[in-house]
Amino acid sequence: MGKTRLEAFSDGVLAIIITIMVLELRVPHGSDLQSLQPLLPVFLSYILSFIYLGIYWNNHHHMLHTVRRVTGAILWSNLHLLFWLSLVPFVTGWMGENHFAALPTALYGVVLFMAAVAYLILQSRIISANGGKDSLLAKAVEKDRKGKVSQVLYAIAIPLAFWNQWLSDALYVLVAVIWLIPDRRIERILEE
């Protein structure tokens, strides 16, 4: 089975997720800058989530370049990832509407953590179906320090939200910044 439908479906789902998220931004009733102030937490949570979805889309795109064979396990693993990403608009809105309160901030982290786990599961299924440890993807990701560090930071940020949600949010931003730095591992392997 080819990867074209997998790519098209995933791109479509991510586009819909981003669209749903932006539709949750409400237009203020005033025409001055002060009327925007109550929307600031919602807008900040939207920006962070948009960046996260962009990071997932970008890395998913690169990862699928290594795929030569798609299996049922890859399809289900991809749906698992898309499930967690589809919850991003909900937790984004809840966190923003409640001004980064503890429980919404923690749940935001749970969704990010589970999306990271789902991504790693998809990655391992792709590696298994496309040559194992000798596959292009296996060679590209090797030790995957960024992925492991991200999961540790999420695991710290989730309970931290109940003590200090701003530190928790700072860890979510830190993970996004870590992944904003372009990850050229897959591109390098494909060029070789």
Protein backbone atom coordinates (compact mmCIF):
# COMPACT_ATOMS: atom_id res chain seq x y z
CA MET A 1 0.00 0.00 0.00
CA GLY A 2 1.30 3.45 -0.89
CA LYS A 3 1.60 6.45 1.38
CA THR A 4 -0.28 9.04 -0.70
CA ARG A 5 -3.65 8.55 0.99
CA LEU A 6 -2.01 8.52 4.43
CA GLU A 7 -0.33 11.86 3.70
CA ALA A 8 -3.45 13.43 2.20
CA PHE A 9 -5.71 12.29 5.04
CA SER A 10 -3.26 13.47 7.72
CA ASP A 11 -2.78 16.86 6.03
CA GLY A 12 -6.56 17.28 5.79
CA VAL A 13 -7.15 16.40 9.43
CA LEU A 14 -4.44 18.80 10.61
CA ALA A 15 -5.88 21.58 8.42
CA ILE A 16 -9.31 21.00 9.97
CA ILE A 17 -7.84 21.01 13.50
CA ILE A 18 -6.16 24.37 12.85
CA THR A 19 -9.38 25.74 11.32
CA ILE A 20 -11.42 24.66 14.34
CA MET A 21 -8.89 26.31 16.62
CA VAL A 22 -8.99 29.66 14.83
CA LEU A 23 -12.80 29.60 14.76
CA GLU A 24 -12.73 29.52 18.57
CA LEU A 25 -11.15 33.00 18.61
CA ARG A 26 -14.01 35.41 19.26
CA VAL A 27 -14.14 38.88 17.77
CA PRO A 28 -14.24 41.57 20.49
CA HIS A 29 -17.24 43.88 20.67
CA GLY A 30 -15.16 47.03 21.10
CA SER A 31 -12.98 48.83 18.58
CA ASP A 32 -10.15 49.89 20.88
CA LEU A 33 -7.07 48.04 22.13
CA GLN A 34 -8.62 47.53 25.57
CA SER A 35 -11.33 45.35 24.06
CA LEU A 36 -8.57 42.92 22.99
CA GLN A 37 -7.14 42.57 26.50
CA PRO A 38 -9.63 39.91 27.73
CA LEU A 39 -8.78 37.81 24.65
CA LEU A 40 -5.05 37.77 25.37
CA PRO A 41 -4.97 34.41 27.24
CA VAL A 42 -7.04 32.76 24.49
CA PHE A 43 -4.81 34.25 21.80
CA LEU A 44 -1.59 33.20 23.57
CA SER A 45 -2.82 29.64 23.98
CA TYR A 46 -3.83 29.66 20.30
CA ILE A 47 -0.35 30.79 19.23
CA LEU A 48 1.32 28.05 21.28
CA SER A 49 -1.02 25.37 19.94
CA PHE A 50 -0.66 26.58 16.36
CA ILE A 51 3.11 26.28 16.73
CA TYR A 52 2.75 22.76 18.14
CA LEU A 53 0.47 21.67 15.29
CA GLY A 54 2.89 23.19 12.80
CA ILE A 55 5.76 21.26 14.39
CA TYR A 56 3.80 18.01 14.20
CA TRP A 57 2.78 18.66 10.60
CA ASN A 58 6.37 19.45 9.59
CA ASN A 59 7.92 16.44 11.34
CA HIS A 60 5.14 14.11 10.16
CA HIS A 61 5.78 15.29 6.60
CA HIS A 62 9.50 14.59 6.89
CA MET A 63 8.93 11.22 8.54
CA LEU A 64 6.60 10.08 5.76
CA HIS A 65 9.34 10.77 3.20
CA THR A 66 11.11 7.69 4.57
CA VAL A 67 8.10 5.41 4.10
CA ARG A 68 8.17 2.91 1.28
CA ARG A 69 5.51 0.55 2.62
CA VAL A 70 2.36 1.35 4.60
CA THR A 71 0.84 -1.32 6.83
CA GLY A 72 -2.34 -1.52 8.85
CA ALA A 73 -0.29 -0.89 12.00
CA ILE A 74 1.02 2.34 10.48
CA LEU A 75 -2.51 3.44 9.56
CA TRP A 76 -3.85 2.78 13.07
CA SER A 77 -0.80 4.41 14.69
CA ASN A 78 -1.33 7.47 12.50
CA LEU A 79 -5.00 7.63 13.57
CA HIS A 80 -3.86 7.35 17.18
CA LEU A 81 -1.64 10.41 16.68
CA LEU A 82 -4.40 12.32 14.91
CA PHE A 83 -6.79 11.51 17.78
CA TRP A 84 -4.55 13.22 20.32
CA LEU A 85 -3.89 16.15 18.01
CA SER A 86 -7.64 16.54 17.46
CA LEU A 87 -8.00 17.27 21.19
CA VAL A 88 -5.64 20.26 20.94
CA PRO A 89 -8.43 22.78 20.08
CA PHE A 90 -10.43 21.69 23.14
CA VAL A 91 -7.57 21.94 25.64
CA THR A 92 -6.31 25.13 23.98
CA GLY A 93 -9.68 26.80 24.37
CA TRP A 94 -10.18 25.55 27.91
CA MET A 95 -6.75 26.71 29.01
CA GLY A 96 -7.11 30.13 27.34
CA GLU A 97 -10.67 30.78 28.53
CA ASN A 98 -9.64 29.98 32.11
CA HIS A 99 -6.50 32.11 32.04
CA PHE A 100 -4.08 29.17 32.29
CA ALA A 101 -5.68 27.73 35.45
CA ALA A 102 -4.09 24.63 36.96
CA LEU A 103 -6.37 21.84 35.71
CA PRO A 104 -6.72 23.08 32.11
CA THR A 105 -2.95 23.66 31.98
CA ALA A 106 -2.28 20.14 33.27
CA LEU A 107 -4.74 18.61 30.79
CA TYR A 108 -3.07 20.57 28.00
CA GLY A 109 0.17 18.85 29.02
CA VAL A 110 -1.50 15.44 29.10
CA VAL A 111 -2.66 15.91 25.50
CA LEU A 112 0.82 17.06 24.44
CA PHE A 113 2.42 14.12 26.26
CA MET A 114 0.04 11.60 24.68
CA ALA A 115 0.56 13.13 21.21
CA ALA A 116 4.32 12.70 21.72
CA VAL A 117 3.81 9.07 22.76
CA ALA A 118 1.56 8.48 19.74
CA TYR A 119 4.19 10.05 17.46
CA LEU A 120 6.85 7.70 18.83
CA ILE A 121 4.53 4.71 18.32
CA LEU A 122 3.94 5.78 14.71
CA GLN A 123 7.67 6.24 14.25
CA SER A 124 8.39 2.74 15.57
CA ARG A 125 5.70 1.20 13.31
CA ILE A 126 7.20 2.93 10.28
CA ILE A 127 10.66 1.68 11.23
CA SER A 128 9.37 -1.88 11.70
CA ALA A 129 7.57 -1.96 8.35
CA ASN A 130 10.37 -0.32 6.38
CA GLY A 131 13.54 -2.23 7.18
CA GLY A 132 13.86 -2.19 10.97
CA LYS A 133 17.09 -0.83 12.40
CA ASP A 134 18.49 -0.52 8.87
CA SER A 135 15.61 1.69 7.68
CA LEU A 136 16.17 5.31 6.72
CA LEU A 137 14.03 6.52 9.61
CA ALA A 138 15.86 4.39 12.18
CA LYS A 139 19.17 5.81 10.99
CA ALA A 140 17.80 9.35 11.07
CA VAL A 141 16.29 9.32 14.55
CA GLU A 142 18.80 7.02 16.28
CA LYS A 143 18.79 8.07 19.95
CA ASP A 144 16.07 10.73 19.49
CA ARG A 145 17.21 12.99 22.32
CA LYS A 146 14.69 15.71 21.45
CA GLY A 147 11.79 13.28 21.70
CA LYS A 148 12.92 11.90 25.05
CA VAL A 149 13.65 15.34 26.51
CA SER A 150 10.22 16.53 25.36
CA GLN A 151 8.44 13.69 27.12
CA VAL A 152 10.39 14.28 30.34
CA LEU A 153 9.53 18.00 30.24
CA TYR A 154 5.84 17.22 29.68
CA ALA A 155 5.91 14.73 32.56
CA ILE A 156 7.36 17.44 34.81
CA ALA A 157 5.00 20.18 33.54
CA ILE A 158 1.77 18.24 34.13
CA PRO A 159 1.97 17.97 37.95
CA LEU A 160 3.83 21.30 38.11
CA ALA A 161 0.67 22.98 36.79
CA PHE A 162 -0.98 22.38 40.19
CA TRP A 163 1.87 24.14 41.98
CA ASN A 164 2.75 26.90 39.49
CA GLN A 165 0.96 26.92 36.14
CA TRP A 166 3.25 29.63 34.74
CA LEU A 167 6.29 27.39 35.16
CA SER A 168 4.31 24.59 33.58
CA ASP A 169 3.43 26.82 30.63
CA ALA A 170 7.09 27.88 30.37
CA LEU A 171 8.05 24.21 29.96
CA TYR A 172 5.48 23.81 27.16
CA VAL A 173 6.98 26.86 25.46
CA LEU A 174 10.49 25.44 25.98
CA VAL A 175 9.55 22.18 24.24
CA ALA A 176 8.08 24.13 21.33
CA VAL A 177 11.27 26.20 21.07
CA ILE A 178 13.38 23.02 21.11
CA TRP A 179 11.39 21.68 18.15
CA LEU A 180 11.30 25.02 16.29
CA ILE A 181 14.99 24.60 15.67
CA PRO A 182 14.86 22.69 12.36
CA ASP A 183 15.44 18.97 12.73
CA ARG A 184 17.49 18.07 9.70
CA ARG A 185 18.17 14.42 10.60
CA ILE A 186 15.72 12.96 8.10
CA GLU A 187 16.72 15.40 5.36
CA ARG A 188 20.40 14.48 5.83
CA ILE A 189 19.66 10.75 5.59
CA LEU A 190 17.55 11.22 2.46
CA GLU A 191 20.29 13.29 0.81
CA GLU A 192 22.93 10.59 1.44
